[in-house]
């Protein structure tokens, strides 16, 4: 697969992840468990921390490309809520894990892997299309969380990110 193409995919994917990271880093403690939106099934699904976790768990799964064999790293649970919200440190650790995994996967992408069919109970996509789909998902929720912070008058250093950062802020 063309190196320039893989570089541009990483630069944009990484930028979406970095914008999500900005929202997570800038979220004050008092909004960590606040409702970004109401969820009828369980109020926790709409809370800031959970939206961030949800985004990262799907990023991790879709970078794996295998529904059956996927298991998130500890302390994260698949398919169930934890007893208490994950901490900001836990979520940022998961984000950094996902960011590294994403860069590694994109850098190692071959034509064969790009065309590999990924089958999930709810959809089938080629691996490369799945990554574009996931990039959109990360960007969507990063935007939700950044908008929520702005609506709650949280002053942030967040700005539009044109390409993946060379280094992630601490």
Protein backbone atom coordinates (compact mmCIF):
# COMPACT_ATOMS: atom_id res chain seq x y z
CA UNK A 1 0.00 0.00 0.00
CA UNK A 2 1.21 3.48 -0.86
CA UNK A 3 3.17 5.12 2.00
CA UNK A 4 1.87 8.62 1.26
CA UNK A 5 -1.73 7.35 1.44
CA UNK A 6 -1.10 5.61 4.77
CA UNK A 7 0.53 8.79 6.11
CA UNK A 8 -2.45 10.96 5.24
CA UNK A 9 -4.87 8.41 6.74
CA UNK A 10 -2.84 8.40 9.97
CA UNK A 11 -2.57 12.21 10.05
CA UNK A 12 -6.35 12.58 9.89
CA UNK A 13 -7.19 9.63 12.14
CA UNK A 14 -4.65 10.86 14.68
CA UNK A 15 -6.10 14.39 14.52
CA UNK A 16 -9.56 13.03 15.37
CA UNK A 17 -8.10 11.08 18.33
CA UNK A 18 -6.17 14.16 19.46
CA UNK A 19 -9.35 16.28 19.44
CA UNK A 20 -11.04 13.65 21.60
CA UNK A 21 -8.01 13.76 23.89
CA UNK A 22 -8.36 17.54 24.22
CA UNK A 23 -11.94 17.12 25.42
CA UNK A 24 -10.96 14.46 27.94
CA UNK A 25 -7.97 16.44 29.26
CA UNK A 26 -10.01 19.64 29.55
CA UNK A 27 -13.02 18.13 31.29
CA UNK A 28 -13.19 19.44 34.86
CA UNK A 29 -13.91 16.94 37.60
CA UNK A 30 -17.39 18.31 38.23
CA UNK A 31 -18.44 17.50 34.64
CA UNK A 32 -16.82 14.04 34.41
CA UNK A 33 -20.09 12.33 35.34
CA UNK A 34 -22.41 15.01 33.96
CA UNK A 35 -24.93 14.07 31.28
CA UNK A 36 -23.87 15.05 27.77
CA UNK A 37 -27.28 13.74 26.70
CA UNK A 38 -30.09 11.76 28.27
CA UNK A 39 -30.16 8.02 27.69
CA UNK A 40 -33.35 6.05 28.28
CA UNK A 41 -31.60 2.73 28.97
CA UNK A 42 -29.20 3.94 31.66
CA UNK A 43 -28.30 7.54 32.53
CA UNK A 44 -24.62 6.58 32.73
CA UNK A 45 -24.53 5.93 28.96
CA UNK A 46 -24.96 9.66 28.40
CA UNK A 47 -22.32 10.79 30.90
CA UNK A 48 -19.10 12.44 29.73
CA UNK A 49 -16.81 9.65 30.94
CA UNK A 50 -18.92 6.98 29.28
CA UNK A 51 -19.11 8.74 25.92
CA UNK A 52 -15.30 8.93 25.98
CA UNK A 53 -15.03 5.25 26.97
CA UNK A 54 -17.59 4.18 24.36
CA UNK A 55 -15.62 5.97 21.65
CA UNK A 56 -12.34 4.40 22.69
CA UNK A 57 -13.71 0.88 23.07
CA UNK A 58 -15.15 0.96 19.53
CA UNK A 59 -11.87 2.43 18.25
CA UNK A 60 -10.01 -0.47 19.87
CA UNK A 61 -12.47 -3.06 18.55
CA UNK A 62 -12.50 -1.75 15.00
CA UNK A 63 -8.71 -1.47 14.87
CA UNK A 64 -8.69 -5.16 15.84
CA UNK A 65 -11.22 -5.92 13.12
CA UNK A 66 -12.45 -9.05 14.90
CA UNK A 67 -15.62 -8.99 16.97
CA UNK A 68 -15.32 -12.47 18.47
CA UNK A 69 -11.72 -12.27 19.62
CA UNK A 70 -11.78 -8.72 20.96
CA UNK A 71 -11.00 -8.04 24.60
CA UNK A 72 -10.20 -4.55 25.89
CA UNK A 73 -7.20 -4.08 28.16
CA UNK A 74 -7.69 -4.09 31.95
CA UNK A 75 -9.46 -2.49 33.76
CA UNK A 76 -11.98 -2.04 30.95
CA UNK A 77 -15.00 -4.29 30.57
CA UNK A 78 -16.63 -5.36 27.34
CA UNK A 79 -20.39 -5.18 27.18
CA UNK A 80 -21.04 -4.04 30.73
CA UNK A 81 -20.76 -0.96 32.86
CA UNK A 82 -18.16 -0.83 35.61
CA UNK A 83 -19.28 -0.46 39.23
CA UNK A 84 -18.07 3.15 39.21
CA UNK A 85 -17.06 5.48 36.39
CA UNK A 86 -13.60 5.01 34.92
CA UNK A 87 -11.24 7.75 36.00
CA UNK A 88 -9.87 10.39 33.69
CA UNK A 89 -6.43 8.77 34.07
CA UNK A 90 -7.87 5.39 33.03
CA UNK A 91 -9.62 6.89 30.01
CA UNK A 92 -6.54 8.84 28.93
CA UNK A 93 -4.47 5.68 29.26
CA UNK A 94 -6.96 3.89 27.01
CA UNK A 95 -6.82 6.77 24.56
CA UNK A 96 -3.02 6.60 24.39
CA UNK A 97 -3.27 2.82 23.89
CA UNK A 98 -5.74 3.35 21.04
CA UNK A 99 -3.67 6.11 19.48
CA UNK A 100 -0.52 3.95 19.43
CA UNK A 101 -2.49 0.98 18.12
CA UNK A 102 -4.05 3.11 15.41
CA UNK A 103 -0.73 4.47 14.22
CA UNK A 104 0.81 0.99 14.20
CA UNK A 105 -2.15 -0.52 12.32
CA UNK A 106 -2.22 2.22 9.69
CA UNK A 107 1.57 2.17 9.20
CA UNK A 108 1.46 -1.61 8.72
CA UNK A 109 -1.55 -1.60 6.41
CA UNK A 110 -1.19 -3.72 3.27
CA UNK A 111 -3.46 -3.90 0.24
CA UNK A 112 -4.55 -7.35 1.36
CA UNK A 113 -5.43 -6.16 4.88
CA UNK A 114 -7.21 -3.06 3.51
CA UNK A 115 -9.56 -5.31 1.51
CA UNK A 116 -10.08 -7.90 4.27
CA UNK A 117 -13.78 -8.22 5.08
CA UNK A 118 -14.62 -7.50 8.72
CA UNK A 119 -17.85 -9.10 9.83
CA UNK A 120 -19.78 -7.94 12.88
CA UNK A 121 -23.29 -8.96 13.95
CA UNK A 122 -24.54 -5.56 12.77
CA UNK A 123 -22.43 -4.83 9.64
CA UNK A 124 -19.77 -5.98 7.19
CA UNK A 125 -17.09 -3.64 5.87
CA UNK A 126 -13.67 -3.92 4.33
CA UNK A 127 -10.94 -3.15 6.86
CA UNK A 128 -9.91 0.18 5.29
CA UNK A 129 -13.51 1.38 5.03
CA UNK A 130 -14.01 0.30 8.65
CA UNK A 131 -11.13 2.59 9.64
CA UNK A 132 -12.67 5.57 7.81
CA UNK A 133 -16.01 4.77 9.48
CA UNK A 134 -14.27 4.67 12.86
CA UNK A 135 -12.42 7.92 12.22
CA UNK A 136 -15.81 9.56 11.68
CA UNK A 137 -17.10 8.00 14.91
CA UNK A 138 -14.15 9.33 16.93
CA UNK A 139 -14.57 12.79 15.40
CA UNK A 140 -18.31 12.79 16.11
CA UNK A 141 -17.94 12.06 19.80
CA UNK A 142 -14.89 14.30 20.19
CA UNK A 143 -17.06 17.10 18.80
CA UNK A 144 -19.94 16.19 21.16
CA UNK A 145 -17.65 16.37 24.17
CA UNK A 146 -15.93 19.59 23.11
CA UNK A 147 -19.31 21.21 22.41
CA UNK A 148 -20.55 20.09 25.83
CA UNK A 149 -17.52 21.71 27.49
CA UNK A 150 -18.14 24.95 25.60
CA UNK A 151 -21.82 24.95 26.56
CA UNK A 152 -20.72 24.61 30.18
CA UNK A 153 -18.35 27.56 29.84
CA UNK A 154 -15.19 25.51 30.25
CA UNK A 155 -12.28 27.54 28.96
CA UNK A 156 -10.04 25.16 27.04
CA UNK A 157 -6.88 25.31 25.01
CA UNK A 158 -8.59 23.12 22.42
CA UNK A 159 -8.35 24.22 18.83
CA UNK A 160 -8.89 22.66 15.45
CA UNK A 161 -6.19 20.08 14.78
CA UNK A 162 -5.25 19.77 11.12
CA UNK A 163 -3.01 16.72 11.51
CA UNK A 164 -2.04 14.27 14.25
CA UNK A 165 0.21 15.82 16.83
CA UNK A 166 3.81 14.66 16.92
CA UNK A 167 3.48 14.38 20.71
CA UNK A 168 0.45 14.09 22.93
CA UNK A 169 0.18 16.66 25.76
CA UNK A 170 0.57 15.31 29.31
